[in-house]
């Protein structure tokens, strides 16, 4: 477990509706090292999103173990899981999930508002993040006044504002054009290399997955194959 940012051991997830059971995960074991960039691939319905929700403690597994930075999450109550999410995990979604009536700056500050940590110093941190992501001069713009790529960069800044050790990205380039996708992917790759942030990214695109250190392929609720990125191998 040493050096593992996330360790999932035989994770299973079953949903029950009207006495009908659906097994979304059938026993997933995954060890992601600190600073590793992992891509998860698979067809729709294979269990990728369910796994991401469990890894991010947004949902609980039916059986199995999940350790985050060595902490057994099964021993934590909902408030403690919320603290883990707020302090250790940043989320980047395909649909951005920005609050339309808030400015770009205030959207970045949302995780800090939750824990009453939106201090003047943190306000400057948020501005610095937005500036590094090429959004200087757009702090007060509302999401609908920004392009899709700009909205995604606001979402990345929001994910980073609490200095998380783990980023979970669910199809972060799915709604972007190819040029903007390249920019977002470069940002994520640099974060893994330079800041040693662990990144787990769901994608349908095998070319995008090649940018990661490791590719994990899922089918029918199971991991069926793991491989080192061919791009990483060739370097």
C-alpha atoms as a PDB file:
ATOM      1  CA  UNK A   1       0.000   0.000   0.000  1.00  0.00           C
ATOM      2  CA  UNK A   2       3.019   2.267   0.452  1.00  0.00           C
ATOM      3  CA  UNK A   3       3.160   4.936  -2.244  1.00  0.00           C
ATOM      4  CA  UNK A   4      -0.427   4.264  -3.338  1.00  0.00           C
ATOM      5  CA  UNK A   5      -2.676   7.275  -3.773  1.00  0.00           C
ATOM      6  CA  UNK A   6      -5.670   5.015  -4.386  1.00  0.00           C
ATOM      7  CA  UNK A   7      -5.942   1.314  -3.648  1.00  0.00           C
ATOM      8  CA  UNK A   8      -9.177  -0.453  -4.567  1.00  0.00           C
ATOM      9  CA  UNK A   9      -9.403  -4.102  -3.573  1.00  0.00           C
ATOM     10  CA  UNK A  10     -12.087  -6.352  -5.092  1.00  0.00           C
ATOM     11  CA  UNK A  11     -14.624  -3.529  -5.378  1.00  0.00           C
ATOM     12  CA  UNK A  12     -18.153  -4.674  -6.196  1.00  0.00           C
ATOM     13  CA  UNK A  13     -21.221  -2.497  -6.663  1.00  0.00           C
ATOM     14  CA  UNK A  14     -24.799  -3.710  -6.949  1.00  0.00           C
ATOM     15  CA  UNK A  15     -27.803  -1.460  -7.521  1.00  0.00           C
ATOM     16  CA  UNK A  16     -31.292  -2.640  -6.553  1.00  0.00           C
ATOM     17  CA  UNK A  17     -34.464  -1.177  -8.032  1.00  0.00           C
ATOM     18  CA  UNK A  18     -37.933  -2.687  -7.679  1.00  0.00           C
ATOM     19  CA  UNK A  19     -36.399  -5.985  -6.551  1.00  0.00           C
ATOM     20  CA  UNK A  20     -34.213  -6.076  -9.669  1.00  0.00           C
ATOM     21  CA  UNK A  21     -30.474  -6.211  -9.069  1.00  0.00           C
ATOM     22  CA  UNK A  22     -27.911  -4.766 -11.440  1.00  0.00           C
ATOM     23  CA  UNK A  23     -24.251  -5.543 -10.830  1.00  0.00           C
ATOM     24  CA  UNK A  24     -22.257  -2.532 -12.080  1.00  0.00           C
ATOM     25  CA  UNK A  25     -18.853  -3.632 -10.756  1.00  0.00           C
ATOM     26  CA  UNK A  26     -17.969  -7.300 -10.375  1.00  0.00           C
ATOM     27  CA  UNK A  27     -14.686  -7.148  -8.478  1.00  0.00           C
ATOM     28  CA  UNK A  28     -12.311  -4.364  -9.472  1.00  0.00           C
ATOM     29  CA  UNK A  29      -8.805  -4.223  -8.028  1.00  0.00           C
ATOM     30  CA  UNK A  30      -6.717  -1.173  -8.833  1.00  0.00           C
ATOM     31  CA  UNK A  31      -3.530   0.348  -7.406  1.00  0.00           C
ATOM     32  CA  UNK A  32      -2.712   3.901  -8.523  1.00  0.00           C
ATOM     33  CA  UNK A  33       0.609   5.323  -7.370  1.00  0.00           C
ATOM     34  CA  UNK A  34       1.174   8.864  -6.203  1.00  0.00           C
ATOM     35  CA  UNK A  35       1.836  11.108  -9.197  1.00  0.00           C
ATOM     36  CA  UNK A  36       0.660   8.521 -11.723  1.00  0.00           C
ATOM     37  CA  UNK A  37      -1.549   9.479 -14.686  1.00  0.00           C
ATOM     38  CA  UNK A  38      -4.020   6.671 -15.445  1.00  0.00           C
ATOM     39  CA  UNK A  39      -6.582   6.512 -18.253  1.00  0.00           C
ATOM     40  CA  UNK A  40      -9.668   4.308 -17.960  1.00  0.00           C
ATOM     41  CA  UNK A  41     -11.266   3.165 -21.209  1.00  0.00           C
ATOM     42  CA  UNK A  42     -14.326   1.133 -22.086  1.00  0.00           C
ATOM     43  CA  UNK A  43     -17.689   1.217 -23.813  1.00  0.00           C
ATOM     44  CA  UNK A  44     -20.668   2.987 -22.279  1.00  0.00           C
ATOM     45  CA  UNK A  45     -22.151   0.925 -19.464  1.00  0.00           C
ATOM     46  CA  UNK A  46     -18.928  -0.938 -18.659  1.00  0.00           C
ATOM     47  CA  UNK A  47     -18.720   0.546 -15.147  1.00  0.00           C
ATOM     48  CA  UNK A  48     -16.260   3.426 -15.644  1.00  0.00           C
ATOM     49  CA  UNK A  49     -18.454   6.125 -14.107  1.00  0.00           C
ATOM     50  CA  UNK A  50     -19.528   3.873 -11.237  1.00  0.00           C
ATOM     51  CA  UNK A  51     -15.882   3.164 -10.465  1.00  0.00           C
ATOM     52  CA  UNK A  52     -14.990   6.869 -10.616  1.00  0.00           C
ATOM     53  CA  UNK A  53     -17.843   7.733  -8.246  1.00  0.00           C
ATOM     54  CA  UNK A  54     -16.591   5.158  -5.758  1.00  0.00           C
ATOM     55  CA  UNK A  55     -12.939   6.214  -6.081  1.00  0.00           C
ATOM     56  CA  UNK A  56     -14.070   9.795  -5.437  1.00  0.00           C
ATOM     57  CA  UNK A  57     -16.183   8.697  -2.424  1.00  0.00           C
ATOM     58  CA  UNK A  58     -19.309  10.092  -4.087  1.00  0.00           C
ATOM     59  CA  UNK A  59     -20.750   6.588  -3.757  1.00  0.00           C
ATOM     60  CA  UNK A  60     -19.918   3.606  -1.571  1.00  0.00           C
ATOM     61  CA  UNK A  61     -19.023   0.143  -2.801  1.00  0.00           C
ATOM     62  CA  UNK A  62     -21.294  -2.771  -1.907  1.00  0.00           C
ATOM     63  CA  UNK A  63     -18.303  -4.889  -0.935  1.00  0.00           C
ATOM     64  CA  UNK A  64     -14.533  -4.515  -1.144  1.00  0.00           C
ATOM     65  CA  UNK A  65     -11.996  -2.059   0.230  1.00  0.00           C
ATOM     66  CA  UNK A  66     -10.993   1.446  -0.831  1.00  0.00           C
ATOM     67  CA  UNK A  67      -7.938   3.189   0.597  1.00  0.00           C
ATOM     68  CA  UNK A  68      -7.122   6.819  -0.185  1.00  0.00           C
ATOM     69  CA  UNK A  69      -3.618   7.874   0.815  1.00  0.00           C
ATOM     70  CA  UNK A  70      -3.584   4.846   3.111  1.00  0.00           C
ATOM     71  CA  UNK A  71      -6.893   5.656   4.830  1.00  0.00           C
ATOM     72  CA  UNK A  72      -9.536   2.923   4.833  1.00  0.00           C
ATOM     73  CA  UNK A  73     -12.634   4.815   3.654  1.00  0.00           C
ATOM     74  CA  UNK A  74     -14.990   2.113   4.943  1.00  0.00           C
ATOM     75  CA  UNK A  75     -14.214   3.333   8.481  1.00  0.00           C
ATOM     76  CA  UNK A  76     -15.318   6.911   7.708  1.00  0.00           C
ATOM     77  CA  UNK A  77     -18.775   8.426   8.140  1.00  0.00           C
ATOM     78  CA  UNK A  78     -20.360  10.755   5.565  1.00  0.00           C
ATOM     79  CA  UNK A  79     -18.899  13.915   7.119  1.00  0.00           C
ATOM     80  CA  UNK A  80     -15.405  12.415   7.153  1.00  0.00           C
ATOM     81  CA  UNK A  81     -15.792  11.336   3.516  1.00  0.00           C
ATOM     82  CA  UNK A  82     -16.841  14.887   2.659  1.00  0.00           C
ATOM     83  CA  UNK A  83     -13.633  16.143   4.273  1.00  0.00           C
ATOM     84  CA  UNK A  84     -11.577  13.650   2.245  1.00  0.00           C
ATOM     85  CA  UNK A  85     -13.238  14.863  -0.961  1.00  0.00           C
ATOM     86  CA  UNK A  86     -12.747  18.498  -0.115  1.00  0.00           C
ATOM     87  CA  UNK A  87      -9.112  18.217   0.948  1.00  0.00           C
ATOM     88  CA  UNK A  88      -7.658  15.462  -1.218  1.00  0.00           C
ATOM     89  CA  UNK A  89      -9.736  15.107  -4.403  1.00  0.00           C
ATOM     90  CA  UNK A  90     -10.437  17.494  -7.270  1.00  0.00           C
ATOM     91  CA  UNK A  91     -13.183  16.652  -9.776  1.00  0.00           C
ATOM     92  CA  UNK A  92     -13.262  17.667 -13.455  1.00  0.00           C
ATOM     93  CA  UNK A  93     -16.438  16.800 -15.351  1.00  0.00           C
ATOM     94  CA  UNK A  94     -17.271  16.706 -19.056  1.00  0.00           C
ATOM     95  CA  UNK A  95     -20.207  19.065 -18.483  1.00  0.00           C
ATOM     96  CA  UNK A  96     -18.067  21.497 -16.399  1.00  0.00           C
ATOM     97  CA  UNK A  97     -20.765  21.729 -13.649  1.00  0.00           C
ATOM     98  CA  UNK A  98     -20.235  25.467 -13.165  1.00  0.00           C
ATOM     99  CA  UNK A  99     -22.814  27.647 -11.406  1.00  0.00           C
ATOM    100  CA  UNK A 100     -24.143  29.957 -14.117  1.00  0.00           C
ATOM    101  CA  UNK A 101     -25.020  32.896 -11.845  1.00  0.00           C
ATOM    102  CA  UNK A 102     -21.539  32.996 -10.293  1.00  0.00           C
ATOM    103  CA  UNK A 103     -18.460  34.582 -11.829  1.00  0.00           C
ATOM    104  CA  UNK A 104     -15.500  32.482 -12.951  1.00  0.00           C
ATOM    105  CA  UNK A 105     -13.649  33.533  -9.809  1.00  0.00           C
ATOM    106  CA  UNK A 106     -16.521  32.618  -7.491  1.00  0.00           C
ATOM    107  CA  UNK A 107     -16.905  29.237  -9.220  1.00  0.00           C
ATOM    108  CA  UNK A 108     -13.266  28.478  -8.442  1.00  0.00           C
ATOM    109  CA  UNK A 109     -13.828  29.486  -4.810  1.00  0.00           C
ATOM    110  CA  UNK A 110     -16.794  27.133  -4.250  1.00  0.00           C
ATOM    111  CA  UNK A 111     -14.741  24.340  -2.571  1.00  0.00           C
ATOM    112  CA  UNK A 112     -13.285  26.947  -0.204  1.00  0.00           C
ATOM    113  CA  UNK A 113     -16.718  28.358   0.616  1.00  0.00           C
ATOM    114  CA  UNK A 114     -17.841  24.886   1.688  1.00  0.00           C
ATOM    115  CA  UNK A 115     -15.211  24.803   4.429  1.00  0.00           C
ATOM    116  CA  UNK A 116     -15.281  28.580   5.144  1.00  0.00           C
ATOM    117  CA  UNK A 117     -11.727  28.990   3.853  1.00  0.00           C
ATOM    118  CA  UNK A 118     -12.372  31.646   1.183  1.00  0.00           C
ATOM    119  CA  UNK A 119      -9.859  34.086   2.693  1.00  0.00           C
ATOM    120  CA  UNK A 120      -8.219  37.005   0.851  1.00  0.00           C
ATOM    121  CA  UNK A 121      -5.086  34.876   0.481  1.00  0.00           C
ATOM    122  CA  UNK A 122      -7.075  32.092  -1.157  1.00  0.00           C
ATOM    123  CA  UNK A 123      -8.798  34.662  -3.359  1.00  0.00           C
ATOM    124  CA  UNK A 124      -5.349  35.554  -4.695  1.00  0.00           C
ATOM    125  CA  UNK A 125      -4.593  31.851  -5.187  1.00  0.00           C
ATOM    126  CA  UNK A 126      -7.758  31.531  -7.291  1.00  0.00           C
ATOM    127  CA  UNK A 127      -6.785  34.529  -9.402  1.00  0.00           C
ATOM    128  CA  UNK A 128      -3.292  33.128  -9.891  1.00  0.00           C
ATOM    129  CA  UNK A 129      -4.708  29.773 -11.001  1.00  0.00           C
ATOM    130  CA  UNK A 130      -7.035  31.398 -13.511  1.00  0.00           C
ATOM    131  CA  UNK A 131      -4.157  33.516 -14.811  1.00  0.00           C
ATOM    132  CA  UNK A 132      -1.931  30.454 -15.252  1.00  0.00           C
ATOM    133  CA  UNK A 133      -4.749  28.840 -17.208  1.00  0.00           C
ATOM    134  CA  UNK A 134      -4.963  31.822 -19.560  1.00  0.00           C
ATOM    135  CA  UNK A 135      -8.064  33.458 -18.061  1.00  0.00           C
ATOM    136  CA  UNK A 136      -6.597  36.729 -16.824  1.00  0.00           C
ATOM    137  CA  UNK A 137      -9.113  39.512 -17.331  1.00  0.00           C
ATOM    138  CA  UNK A 138     -12.063  37.110 -17.228  1.00  0.00           C
ATOM    139  CA  UNK A 139     -12.398  36.680 -13.465  1.00  0.00           C
ATOM    140  CA  UNK A 140     -15.836  38.313 -13.369  1.00  0.00           C
ATOM    141  CA  UNK A 141     -17.235  36.668 -16.491  1.00  0.00           C
ATOM    142  CA  UNK A 142     -20.178  34.315 -15.972  1.00  0.00           C
ATOM    143  CA  UNK A 143     -19.894  30.796 -17.447  1.00  0.00           C
ATOM    144  CA  UNK A 144     -22.268  31.573 -20.337  1.00  0.00           C
ATOM    145  CA  UNK A 145     -19.969  34.448 -21.324  1.00  0.00           C
ATOM    146  CA  UNK A 146     -17.059  32.040 -21.741  1.00  0.00           C
ATOM    147  CA  UNK A 147     -16.236  29.526 -24.454  1.00  0.00           C
ATOM    148  CA  UNK A 148     -16.388  25.794 -23.747  1.00  0.00           C
ATOM    149  CA  UNK A 149     -12.616  25.629 -23.387  1.00  0.00           C
ATOM    150  CA  UNK A 150     -12.593  28.581 -21.000  1.00  0.00           C
ATOM    151  CA  UNK A 151     -15.340  26.997 -18.895  1.00  0.00           C
ATOM    152  CA  UNK A 152     -13.345  23.774 -18.672  1.00  0.00           C
ATOM    153  CA  UNK A 153     -10.272  25.719 -17.552  1.00  0.00           C
ATOM    154  CA  UNK A 154     -12.383  27.361 -14.825  1.00  0.00           C
ATOM    155  CA  UNK A 155     -13.426  23.840 -13.792  1.00  0.00           C
ATOM    156  CA  UNK A 156      -9.760  22.774 -13.686  1.00  0.00           C
ATOM    157  CA  UNK A 157      -8.906  25.778 -11.514  1.00  0.00           C
ATOM    158  CA  UNK A 158     -11.783  24.856  -9.182  1.00  0.00           C
ATOM    159  CA  UNK A 159     -10.436  21.301  -8.969  1.00  0.00           C
ATOM    160  CA  UNK A 160      -6.987  22.614  -8.031  1.00  0.00           C
ATOM    161  CA  UNK A 161      -7.868  25.379  -5.563  1.00  0.00           C
ATOM    162  CA  UNK A 162      -7.583  23.128  -2.502  1.00  0.00           C
ATOM    163  CA  UNK A 163      -4.240  21.696  -3.690  1.00  0.00           C
ATOM    164  CA  UNK A 164      -5.607  18.148  -3.975  1.00  0.00           C
ATOM    165  CA  UNK A 165      -3.317  15.157  -4.303  1.00  0.00           C
ATOM    166  CA  UNK A 166      -5.767  13.395  -6.643  1.00  0.00           C
ATOM    167  CA  UNK A 167      -7.666  14.602  -9.719  1.00  0.00           C
ATOM    168  CA  UNK A 168     -10.585  12.562 -11.096  1.00  0.00           C
ATOM    169  CA  UNK A 169     -11.482  13.653 -14.630  1.00  0.00           C
ATOM    170  CA  UNK A 170     -14.557  12.186 -16.343  1.00  0.00           C
ATOM    171  CA  UNK A 171     -14.310  12.781 -20.125  1.00  0.00           C
ATOM    172  CA  UNK A 172     -12.823  16.272 -19.532  1.00  0.00           C
ATOM    173  CA  UNK A 173     -12.401  16.951 -23.264  1.00  0.00           C
ATOM    174  CA  UNK A 174     -15.681  15.410 -24.438  1.00  0.00           C
ATOM    175  CA  UNK A 175     -17.337  18.755 -25.216  1.00  0.00           C
ATOM    176  CA  UNK A 176     -14.263  20.519 -26.610  1.00  0.00           C
ATOM    177  CA  UNK A 177     -12.831  21.048 -30.077  1.00  0.00           C
ATOM    178  CA  UNK A 178      -9.522  19.394 -30.912  1.00  0.00           C
ATOM    179  CA  UNK A 179      -7.360  22.472 -30.306  1.00  0.00           C
ATOM    180  CA  UNK A 180      -8.908  23.201 -26.918  1.00  0.00           C
ATOM    181  CA  UNK A 181      -8.748  19.496 -26.032  1.00  0.00           C
ATOM    182  CA  UNK A 182      -5.009  19.547 -26.676  1.00  0.00           C
ATOM    183  CA  UNK A 183      -4.632  22.529 -24.328  1.00  0.00           C
ATOM    184  CA  UNK A 184      -6.605  20.867 -21.538  1.00  0.00           C
ATOM    185  CA  UNK A 185      -4.688  17.591 -21.936  1.00  0.00           C
ATOM    186  CA  UNK A 186      -1.382  19.461 -21.825  1.00  0.00           C
ATOM    187  CA  UNK A 187      -2.467  21.082 -18.564  1.00  0.00           C
ATOM    188  CA  UNK A 188      -3.383  17.696 -17.041  1.00  0.00           C
ATOM    189  CA  UNK A 189      -0.179  16.035 -18.239  1.00  0.00           C
ATOM    190  CA  UNK A 190       1.951  18.849 -16.826  1.00  0.00           C
ATOM    191  CA  UNK A 191       0.139  18.630 -13.477  1.00  0.00           C
ATOM    192  CA  UNK A 192       1.026  14.947 -13.201  1.00  0.00           C
ATOM    193  CA  UNK A 193       4.661  15.527 -14.180  1.00  0.00           C
ATOM    194  CA  UNK A 194       5.466  18.767 -12.385  1.00  0.00           C
ATOM    195  CA  UNK A 195       3.192  18.769  -9.347  1.00  0.00           C
ATOM    196  CA  UNK A 196       3.089  15.000  -8.765  1.00  0.00           C
ATOM    197  CA  UNK A 197      -0.706  15.077  -8.722  1.00  0.00           C
ATOM    198  CA  UNK A 198      -2.332  11.687  -9.269  1.00  0.00           C
ATOM    199  CA  UNK A 199      -4.750  11.815 -12.215  1.00  0.00           C
ATOM    200  CA  UNK A 200      -7.371   9.240 -13.127  1.00  0.00           C
ATOM    201  CA  UNK A 201      -9.158  10.111 -16.358  1.00  0.00           C
ATOM    202  CA  UNK A 202     -12.068   8.380 -18.061  1.00  0.00           C
ATOM    203  CA  UNK A 203     -11.999   8.655 -21.840  1.00  0.00           C
ATOM    204  CA  UNK A 204     -13.437   6.940 -24.922  1.00  0.00           C
ATOM    205  CA  UNK A 205     -10.540   8.151 -27.068  1.00  0.00           C
ATOM    206  CA  UNK A 206      -7.562   5.744 -27.331  1.00  0.00           C
ATOM    207  CA  UNK A 207      -5.344   8.535 -28.674  1.00  0.00           C
ATOM    208  CA  UNK A 208      -5.991  10.600 -25.536  1.00  0.00           C
ATOM    209  CA  UNK A 209      -5.387   7.548 -23.335  1.00  0.00           C
ATOM    210  CA  UNK A 210      -1.914   7.163 -24.821  1.00  0.00           C
ATOM    211  CA  UNK A 211      -0.872  10.378 -23.045  1.00  0.00           C
ATOM    212  CA  UNK A 212      -1.297   8.647 -19.675  1.00  0.00           C
ATOM    213  CA  UNK A 213       1.321   6.508 -17.923  1.00  0.00           C
ATOM    214  CA  UNK A 214      -1.028   3.532 -17.912  1.00  0.00           C
ATOM    215  CA  UNK A 215      -4.183   2.476 -19.730  1.00  0.00           C
ATOM    216  CA  UNK A 216      -6.874   0.450 -17.973  1.00  0.00           C
ATOM    217  CA  UNK A 217      -9.552  -1.191 -20.104  1.00  0.00           C
ATOM    218  CA  UNK A 218     -12.937  -2.126 -18.613  1.00  0.00           C
ATOM    219  CA  UNK A 219     -15.738  -4.366 -19.860  1.00  0.00           C
ATOM    220  CA  UNK A 220     -18.894  -5.551 -18.127  1.00  0.00           C
ATOM    221  CA  UNK A 221     -17.880  -4.272 -14.705  1.00  0.00           C
ATOM    222  CA  UNK A 222     -14.373  -5.697 -14.740  1.00  0.00           C
ATOM    223  CA  UNK A 223     -10.858  -4.603 -15.639  1.00  0.00           C
ATOM    224  CA  UNK A 224      -9.938  -6.814 -18.584  1.00  0.00           C
ATOM    225  CA  UNK A 225      -6.558  -5.361 -19.545  1.00  0.00           C
ATOM    226  CA  UNK A 226      -3.867  -3.001 -18.306  1.00  0.00           C
ATOM    227  CA  UNK A 227      -0.984  -1.637 -20.319  1.00  0.00           C
ATOM    228  CA  UNK A 228       1.703   1.012 -20.208  1.00  0.00           C
ATOM    229  CA  UNK A 229       1.095   3.833 -22.665  1.00  0.00           C
ATOM    230  CA  UNK A 230       2.749   3.184 -26.011  1.00  0.00           C
ATOM    231  CA  UNK A 231       3.829   6.850 -26.131  1.00  0.00           C
ATOM    232  CA  UNK A 232       5.457   6.557 -22.697  1.00  0.00           C
ATOM    233  CA  UNK A 233       7.228   3.369 -23.790  1.00  0.00           C
ATOM    234  CA  UNK A 234       8.699   5.000 -26.865  1.00  0.00           C
ATOM    235  CA  UNK A 235      10.305   7.846 -24.888  1.00  0.00           C
END
